Amino acid sequence: MANLIYKGKTKDVYGLEDGNYLLQFKDDATGADGVFDPGENAVALSIDGLGRECVALSQHFFKLVSDAGIPNHLVTADVEKAQMVVKPGKVFGKGLEVIVRFKAAGSFIKRYGDYIEEGAELPALVEFTLKNDEKNDPPITADALAALGVMTLEQATQCKELTQKIGRIVQSDLAQKGLVLYDMKVEFALIDGQVALVDEISGGCMRAYKDGVWVQPMDLNKFILEKS
């Protein structure tokens, strides 16, 4: 029997009798004014089948990540039920997102547009942000994370290196389908004392372009899964 632990914007979390967790994905998507945007913190619309597509794409990328020897939380995935069973882990602080940027876009341009043009190359640049909807996920440095006790500097370095490695895996996979990865966000937790990739790797976690046009998540999912 599964017990509801947490109701989220795009998925609910249930505790299982064996100690693992069940993630039930929804068709809800974040955005503003009815338009999808992975950078927003509020649900703006519902897209039929989005939950299944998120699980299908996550399953695809978690396999690539696992094959590369990167620790992660995935146990099993059921695409038709839009569910993933995952290992329990200890989150860093109240939640932390790590972003890797290959090209300048989104919030990066909003902050630093005086110094760089949209679409300009970036060297797998990594940023940390605290998960906080009210404060719009404020960026934070590795030194500040350590000073606040969210994680150690060693753990921050591990997160950075793993994020770059994961980003390059996804970047390479997308490139085979004629897509360009601009940026993506991932999350980590401690599993058996080891820094491990958690949450999902879906269209809502990344920004990809084809021929200079931003590919919407459902189109991205279908394109990758049909061509993989």
C-alpha atoms as a PDB file:
ATOM      1  CA  MET A   1       0.000   0.000   0.000  1.00  0.00           C
ATOM      2  CA  ALA A   2       1.252   3.483  -0.884  1.00  0.00           C
ATOM      3  CA  ASN A   3       0.891   6.414   1.505  1.00  0.00           C
ATOM      4  CA  LEU A   4       0.763   9.973   0.195  1.00  0.00           C
ATOM      5  CA  ILE A   5       3.809  11.878   1.424  1.00  0.00           C
ATOM      6  CA  TYR A   6       3.737  15.052  -0.657  1.00  0.00           C
ATOM      7  CA  LYS A   7       1.515  16.683  -3.275  1.00  0.00           C
ATOM      8  CA  GLY A   8       3.598  18.624  -5.767  1.00  0.00           C
ATOM      9  CA  LYS A   9       2.866  20.870  -8.732  1.00  0.00           C
ATOM     10  CA  THR A  10       3.735  18.298 -11.385  1.00  0.00           C
ATOM     11  CA  LYS A  11       3.916  15.037  -9.404  1.00  0.00           C
ATOM     12  CA  ASP A  12       2.855  13.454  -6.120  1.00  0.00           C
ATOM     13  CA  VAL A  13       5.125  11.364  -3.894  1.00  0.00           C
ATOM     14  CA  TYR A  14       3.992   8.182  -2.118  1.00  0.00           C
ATOM     15  CA  GLY A  15       5.836   6.056   0.425  1.00  0.00           C
ATOM     16  CA  LEU A  16       5.968   2.303  -0.271  1.00  0.00           C
ATOM     17  CA  GLU A  17       6.146  -0.536   2.233  1.00  0.00           C
ATOM     18  CA  ASP A  18       9.622  -1.563   1.051  1.00  0.00           C
ATOM     19  CA  GLY A  19      11.037   1.881   1.895  1.00  0.00           C
ATOM     20  CA  ASN A  20      11.152   3.161  -1.677  1.00  0.00           C
ATOM     21  CA  TYR A  21       9.016   5.987  -3.037  1.00  0.00           C
ATOM     22  CA  LEU A  22       6.520   6.121  -5.883  1.00  0.00           C
ATOM     23  CA  LEU A  23       6.420   9.265  -8.019  1.00  0.00           C
ATOM     24  CA  GLN A  24       3.048   9.801  -9.710  1.00  0.00           C
ATOM     25  CA  PHE A  25       3.491  12.251 -12.577  1.00  0.00           C
ATOM     26  CA  LYS A  26       0.680  14.619 -13.561  1.00  0.00           C
ATOM     27  CA  ASP A  27      -0.250  16.244 -16.845  1.00  0.00           C
ATOM     28  CA  ASP A  28       0.155  19.666 -15.237  1.00  0.00           C
ATOM     29  CA  ALA A  29       2.914  21.967 -16.511  1.00  0.00           C
ATOM     30  CA  THR A  30       4.515  25.092 -15.094  1.00  0.00           C
ATOM     31  CA  GLY A  31       4.333  28.395 -16.922  1.00  0.00           C
ATOM     32  CA  ALA A  32       2.674  31.797 -16.971  1.00  0.00           C
ATOM     33  CA  ASP A  33      -0.513  33.089 -18.621  1.00  0.00           C
ATOM     34  CA  GLY A  34      -1.311  29.633 -19.985  1.00  0.00           C
ATOM     35  CA  VAL A  35       2.072  29.289 -21.739  1.00  0.00           C
ATOM     36  CA  PHE A  36       4.512  26.563 -20.758  1.00  0.00           C
ATOM     37  CA  ASP A  37       7.823  27.680 -19.235  1.00  0.00           C
ATOM     38  CA  PRO A  38      10.126  25.302 -17.287  1.00  0.00           C
ATOM     39  CA  GLY A  39      11.575  28.272 -15.435  1.00  0.00           C
ATOM     40  CA  GLU A  40       8.266  29.261 -13.819  1.00  0.00           C
ATOM     41  CA  ASN A  41       7.164  28.021 -10.382  1.00  0.00           C
ATOM     42  CA  ALA A  42       3.388  27.909 -10.851  1.00  0.00           C
ATOM     43  CA  VAL A  43       1.160  25.488 -12.745  1.00  0.00           C
ATOM     44  CA  ALA A  44      -0.217  27.271 -15.801  1.00  0.00           C
ATOM     45  CA  LEU A  45      -1.776  24.562 -17.961  1.00  0.00           C
ATOM     46  CA  SER A  46      -2.469  20.869 -18.383  1.00  0.00           C
ATOM     47  CA  ILE A  47      -1.136  18.908 -21.369  1.00  0.00           C
ATOM     48  CA  ASP A  48      -2.787  15.558 -22.043  1.00  0.00           C
ATOM     49  CA  GLY A  49      -0.242  12.746 -21.759  1.00  0.00           C
ATOM     50  CA  LEU A  50       2.526  14.940 -20.338  1.00  0.00           C
ATOM     51  CA  GLY A  51       2.967  12.714 -17.273  1.00  0.00           C
ATOM     52  CA  ARG A  52       3.564   9.623 -19.407  1.00  0.00           C
ATOM     53  CA  GLU A  53       5.963  11.496 -21.657  1.00  0.00           C
ATOM     54  CA  CYS A  54       7.939  12.733 -18.634  1.00  0.00           C
ATOM     55  CA  VAL A  55       8.350   9.184 -17.363  1.00  0.00           C
ATOM     56  CA  ALA A  56       9.240   7.821 -20.809  1.00  0.00           C
ATOM     57  CA  LEU A  57      11.921  10.436 -21.391  1.00  0.00           C
ATOM     58  CA  SER A  58      13.243  10.142 -17.833  1.00  0.00           C
ATOM     59  CA  GLN A  59      13.544   6.385 -18.272  1.00  0.00           C
ATOM     60  CA  HIS A  60      15.470   6.974 -21.505  1.00  0.00           C
ATOM     61  CA  PHE A  61      17.957   9.401 -19.974  1.00  0.00           C
ATOM     62  CA  PHE A  62      18.363   7.590 -16.653  1.00  0.00           C
ATOM     63  CA  LYS A  63      19.483   4.539 -18.628  1.00  0.00           C
ATOM     64  CA  LEU A  64      22.151   6.608 -20.370  1.00  0.00           C
ATOM     65  CA  VAL A  65      23.213   8.066 -17.024  1.00  0.00           C
ATOM     66  CA  SER A  66      23.328   4.628 -15.389  1.00  0.00           C
ATOM     67  CA  ASP A  67      25.357   3.241 -18.286  1.00  0.00           C
ATOM     68  CA  ALA A  68      27.863   6.036 -17.619  1.00  0.00           C
ATOM     69  CA  GLY A  69      28.191   4.900 -14.002  1.00  0.00           C
ATOM     70  CA  ILE A  70      26.486   7.935 -12.452  1.00  0.00           C
ATOM     71  CA  PRO A  71      24.621   7.097  -9.208  1.00  0.00           C
ATOM     72  CA  ASN A  72      20.877   7.802  -9.392  1.00  0.00           C
ATOM     73  CA  HIS A  73      17.617   6.947  -7.652  1.00  0.00           C
ATOM     74  CA  LEU A  74      15.607   5.155 -10.358  1.00  0.00           C
ATOM     75  CA  VAL A  75      14.420   1.623  -9.516  1.00  0.00           C
ATOM     76  CA  THR A  76      11.658   1.025 -12.074  1.00  0.00           C
ATOM     77  CA  ALA A  77       9.441   3.055 -14.408  1.00  0.00           C
ATOM     78  CA  ASP A  78       5.909   2.440 -15.689  1.00  0.00           C
ATOM     79  CA  VAL A  79       5.227   4.740 -18.623  1.00  0.00           C
ATOM     80  CA  GLU A  80       1.535   3.851 -19.054  1.00  0.00           C
ATOM     81  CA  LYS A  81       0.795   4.621 -15.395  1.00  0.00           C
ATOM     82  CA  ALA A  82       3.086   7.682 -15.459  1.00  0.00           C
ATOM     83  CA  GLN A  83       4.934   6.341 -12.425  1.00  0.00           C
ATOM     84  CA  MET A  84       8.509   5.920 -11.265  1.00  0.00           C
ATOM     85  CA  VAL A  85       9.686   3.947  -8.235  1.00  0.00           C
ATOM     86  CA  VAL A  86      12.791   5.504  -6.736  1.00  0.00           C
ATOM     87  CA  LYS A  87      15.194   4.971  -3.846  1.00  0.00           C
ATOM     88  CA  PRO A  88      14.895   7.170  -0.760  1.00  0.00           C
ATOM     89  CA  GLY A  89      17.424   9.953  -0.449  1.00  0.00           C
ATOM     90  CA  LYS A  90      18.289  12.893   1.782  1.00  0.00           C
ATOM     91  CA  VAL A  91      17.834  16.209  -0.014  1.00  0.00           C
ATOM     92  CA  PHE A  92      20.283  19.058   0.408  1.00  0.00           C
ATOM     93  CA  GLY A  93      18.767  21.743   2.596  1.00  0.00           C
ATOM     94  CA  LYS A  94      15.148  22.421   1.628  1.00  0.00           C
ATOM     95  CA  GLY A  95      15.848  21.542  -1.997  1.00  0.00           C
ATOM     96  CA  LEU A  96      18.517  22.538  -4.471  1.00  0.00           C
ATOM     97  CA  GLU A  97      18.602  22.731  -8.259  1.00  0.00           C
ATOM     98  CA  VAL A  98      21.767  22.637 -10.330  1.00  0.00           C
ATOM     99  CA  ILE A  99      21.731  24.123 -13.824  1.00  0.00           C
ATOM    100  CA  VAL A 100      24.247  23.524 -16.589  1.00  0.00           C
ATOM    101  CA  ARG A 101      24.317  26.080 -19.400  1.00  0.00           C
ATOM    102  CA  PHE A 102      25.800  25.468 -22.847  1.00  0.00           C
ATOM    103  CA  LYS A 103      24.250  28.577 -24.397  1.00  0.00           C
ATOM    104  CA  ALA A 104      22.928  31.786 -22.868  1.00  0.00           C
ATOM    105  CA  ALA A 105      19.122  31.860 -22.518  1.00  0.00           C
ATOM    106  CA  GLY A 106      16.244  32.357 -20.089  1.00  0.00           C
ATOM    107  CA  SER A 107      17.034  33.751 -16.649  1.00  0.00           C
ATOM    108  CA  PHE A 108      20.739  33.929 -17.511  1.00  0.00           C
ATOM    109  CA  ILE A 109      19.986  36.553 -20.164  1.00  0.00           C
ATOM    110  CA  LYS A 110      17.652  38.397 -17.794  1.00  0.00           C
ATOM    111  CA  ARG A 111      20.478  38.691 -15.277  1.00  0.00           C
ATOM    112  CA  TYR A 112      23.498  39.135 -17.510  1.00  0.00           C
ATOM    113  CA  GLY A 113      22.134  40.411 -20.814  1.00  0.00           C
ATOM    114  CA  ASP A 114      24.358  43.495 -20.588  1.00  0.00           C
ATOM    115  CA  TYR A 115      27.369  41.227 -21.016  1.00  0.00           C
ATOM    116  CA  ILE A 116      26.260  38.464 -23.374  1.00  0.00           C
ATOM    117  CA  GLU A 117      23.898  37.891 -26.278  1.00  0.00           C
ATOM    118  CA  GLU A 118      21.145  35.274 -26.287  1.00  0.00           C
ATOM    119  CA  GLY A 119      22.365  32.007 -27.760  1.00  0.00           C
ATOM    120  CA  ALA A 120      26.045  32.762 -27.112  1.00  0.00           C
ATOM    121  CA  GLU A 121      28.236  29.802 -26.200  1.00  0.00           C
ATOM    122  CA  LEU A 122      28.874  29.000 -22.547  1.00  0.00           C
ATOM    123  CA  PRO A 123      31.453  26.473 -21.242  1.00  0.00           C
ATOM    124  CA  ALA A 124      29.063  24.018 -19.525  1.00  0.00           C
ATOM    125  CA  LEU A 125      28.586  26.732 -16.916  1.00  0.00           C
ATOM    126  CA  VAL A 126      27.066  25.444 -13.662  1.00  0.00           C
ATOM    127  CA  GLU A 127      24.785  27.437 -11.340  1.00  0.00           C
ATOM    128  CA  PHE A 128      23.173  26.469  -8.030  1.00  0.00           C
ATOM    129  CA  THR A 129      19.719  27.745  -7.033  1.00  0.00           C
ATOM    130  CA  LEU A 130      17.752  27.201  -3.837  1.00  0.00           C
ATOM    131  CA  LYS A 131      14.254  25.791  -4.378  1.00  0.00           C
ATOM    132  CA  ASN A 132      11.996  28.543  -3.083  1.00  0.00           C
ATOM    133  CA  ASP A 133       8.928  29.557  -5.086  1.00  0.00           C
ATOM    134  CA  GLU A 134       8.305  32.741  -3.074  1.00  0.00           C
ATOM    135  CA  LYS A 135      11.852  33.990  -3.692  1.00  0.00           C
ATOM    136  CA  ASN A 136      11.944  32.756  -7.307  1.00  0.00           C
ATOM    137  CA  ASP A 137      14.664  30.145  -6.693  1.00  0.00           C
ATOM    138  CA  PRO A 138      17.551  32.474  -5.765  1.00  0.00           C
ATOM    139  CA  PRO A 139      21.032  31.625  -7.116  1.00  0.00           C
ATOM    140  CA  ILE A 140      23.669  30.727  -4.539  1.00  0.00           C
ATOM    141  CA  THR A 141      27.414  30.069  -4.628  1.00  0.00           C
ATOM    142  CA  ALA A 142      29.196  26.902  -3.517  1.00  0.00           C
ATOM    143  CA  ASP A 143      30.881  28.844  -0.700  1.00  0.00           C
ATOM    144  CA  ALA A 144      27.509  30.102   0.539  1.00  0.00           C
ATOM    145  CA  LEU A 145      26.056  26.566   0.400  1.00  0.00           C
ATOM    146  CA  ALA A 146      28.903  25.368   2.607  1.00  0.00           C
ATOM    147  CA  ALA A 147      28.622  28.347   4.973  1.00  0.00           C
ATOM    148  CA  LEU A 148      24.889  27.702   5.431  1.00  0.00           C
ATOM    149  CA  GLY A 149      25.429  23.990   6.006  1.00  0.00           C
ATOM    150  CA  VAL A 150      23.413  22.945   2.955  1.00  0.00           C
ATOM    151  CA  MET A 151      26.328  20.860   1.643  1.00  0.00           C
ATOM    152  CA  THR A 152      30.088  20.688   1.924  1.00  0.00           C
ATOM    153  CA  LEU A 153      32.405  22.234  -0.647  1.00  0.00           C
ATOM    154  CA  GLU A 154      33.392  18.704  -1.659  1.00  0.00           C
ATOM    155  CA  GLN A 155      29.754  17.794  -2.268  1.00  0.00           C
ATOM    156  CA  ALA A 156      29.234  21.018  -4.239  1.00  0.00           C
ATOM    157  CA  THR A 157      32.214  20.100  -6.428  1.00  0.00           C
ATOM    158  CA  GLN A 158      30.775  16.617  -6.947  1.00  0.00           C
ATOM    159  CA  CYS A 159      27.399  18.091  -7.917  1.00  0.00           C
ATOM    160  CA  LYS A 160      29.073  20.447 -10.382  1.00  0.00           C
ATOM    161  CA  GLU A 161      31.137  17.702 -12.027  1.00  0.00           C
ATOM    162  CA  LEU A 162      28.198  15.277 -12.201  1.00  0.00           C
ATOM    163  CA  THR A 163      25.929  17.981 -13.638  1.00  0.00           C
ATOM    164  CA  GLN A 164      28.428  18.730 -16.392  1.00  0.00           C
ATOM    165  CA  LYS A 165      28.807  15.027 -17.146  1.00  0.00           C
ATOM    166  CA  ILE A 166      25.024  14.479 -17.236  1.00  0.00           C
ATOM    167  CA  GLY A 167      24.586  17.598 -19.346  1.00  0.00           C
ATOM    168  CA  ARG A 168      27.089  16.376 -21.911  1.00  0.00           C
ATOM    169  CA  ILE A 169      25.371  12.967 -22.053  1.00  0.00           C
ATOM    170  CA  VAL A 170      22.030  14.644 -22.781  1.00  0.00           C
ATOM    171  CA  GLN A 171      23.652  17.154 -25.138  1.00  0.00           C
ATOM    172  CA  SER A 172      25.221  14.334 -27.167  1.00  0.00           C
ATOM    173  CA  ASP A 173      21.971  12.368 -27.313  1.00  0.00           C
ATOM    174  CA  LEU A 174      19.998  15.402 -28.480  1.00  0.00           C
ATOM    175  CA  ALA A 175      22.644  16.271 -31.063  1.00  0.00           C
ATOM    176  CA  GLN A 176      22.083  12.875 -32.708  1.00  0.00           C
ATOM    177  CA  LYS A 177      18.480  13.991 -33.290  1.00  0.00           C
ATOM    178  CA  GLY A 178      19.499  17.370 -34.710  1.00  0.00           C
ATOM    179  CA  LEU A 179      18.717  19.233 -31.483  1.00  0.00           C
ATOM    180  CA  VAL A 180      20.863  21.743 -29.598  1.00  0.00           C
ATOM    181  CA  LEU A 181      20.760  21.711 -25.777  1.00  0.00           C
ATOM    182  CA  TYR A 182      20.913  25.226 -24.371  1.00  0.00           C
ATOM    183  CA  ASP A 183      20.558  24.391 -20.673  1.00  0.00           C
ATOM    184  CA  MET A 184      19.097  21.860 -18.250  1.00  0.00           C
ATOM    185  CA  LYS A 185      18.470  21.543 -14.541  1.00  0.00           C
ATOM    186  CA  VAL A 186      18.985  18.516 -12.317  1.00  0.00           C
ATOM    187  CA  GLU A 187      18.667  17.677  -8.642  1.00  0.00           C
ATOM    188  CA  PHE A 188      20.787  15.605  -6.292  1.00  0.00           C
ATOM    189  CA  ALA A 189      20.392  13.901  -2.932  1.00  0.00           C
ATOM    190  CA  LEU A 190      22.451  11.667  -0.692  1.00  0.00           C
ATOM    191  CA  ILE A 191      21.649   7.982  -1.245  1.00  0.00           C
ATOM    192  CA  ASP A 192      23.596   5.568   0.960  1.00  0.00           C
ATOM    193  CA  GLY A 193      25.986   8.428   1.694  1.00  0.00           C
ATOM    194  CA  GLN A 194      26.665   9.053  -1.997  1.00  0.00           C
ATOM    195  CA  VAL A 195      25.740  12.100  -4.107  1.00  0.00           C
ATOM    196  CA  ALA A 196      23.162  10.759  -6.577  1.00  0.00           C
ATOM    197  CA  LEU A 197      20.952  12.150  -9.334  1.00  0.00           C
ATOM    198  CA  VAL A 198      17.256  12.308  -8.351  1.00  0.00           C
ATOM    199  CA  ASP A 199      13.917  13.680  -9.582  1.00  0.00           C
ATOM    200  CA  GLU A 200      13.371  13.494 -13.371  1.00  0.00           C
ATOM    201  CA  ILE A 201      15.113  14.232 -16.683  1.00  0.00           C
ATOM    202  CA  SER A 202      12.326  15.344 -18.994  1.00  0.00           C
ATOM    203  CA  GLY A 203      11.445  18.080 -21.449  1.00  0.00           C
ATOM    204  CA  GLY A 204      10.365  20.316 -18.582  1.00  0.00           C
ATOM    205  CA  CYS A 205      13.900  20.214 -17.181  1.00  0.00           C
ATOM    206  CA  MET A 206      15.713  21.419 -20.271  1.00  0.00           C
ATOM    207  CA  ARG A 207      15.692  23.984 -23.050  1.00  0.00           C
ATOM    208  CA  ALA A 208      16.464  22.579 -26.505  1.00  0.00           C
ATOM    209  CA  TYR A 209      16.395  24.221 -29.928  1.00  0.00           C
ATOM    210  CA  LYS A 210      16.157  22.983 -33.500  1.00  0.00           C
ATOM    211  CA  ASP A 211      17.185  25.296 -36.314  1.00  0.00           C
ATOM    212  CA  GLY A 212      17.155  28.198 -33.855  1.00  0.00           C
ATOM    213  CA  VAL A 213      13.598  27.529 -32.647  1.00  0.00           C
ATOM    214  CA  TRP A 214      12.784  26.460 -29.078  1.00  0.00           C
ATOM    215  CA  VAL A 215      11.298  22.949 -29.108  1.00  0.00           C
ATOM    216  CA  GLN A 216       8.301  22.536 -26.787  1.00  0.00           C
ATOM    217  CA  PRO A 217       8.596  19.659 -24.263  1.00  0.00           C
ATOM    218  CA  MET A 218       5.966  17.383 -25.824  1.00  0.00           C
ATOM    219  CA  ASP A 219       7.568  17.828 -29.243  1.00  0.00           C
ATOM    220  CA  LEU A 220      10.986  17.225 -27.731  1.00  0.00           C
ATOM    221  CA  ASN A 221       9.824  14.031 -26.038  1.00  0.00           C
ATOM    222  CA  LYS A 222       8.174  12.627 -29.129  1.00  0.00           C
ATOM    223  CA  PHE A 223      11.129  13.529 -31.320  1.00  0.00           C
ATOM    224  CA  ILE A 224      13.682  11.836 -29.052  1.00  0.00           C
ATOM    225  CA  LEU A 225      11.661   8.740 -28.239  1.00  0.00           C
ATOM    226  CA  GLU A 226      10.538   8.135 -31.798  1.00  0.00           C
ATOM    227  CA  LYS A 227      14.064   8.557 -33.127  1.00  0.00           C
ATOM    228  CA  SER A 228      15.961   6.739 -30.343  1.00  0.00           C
END
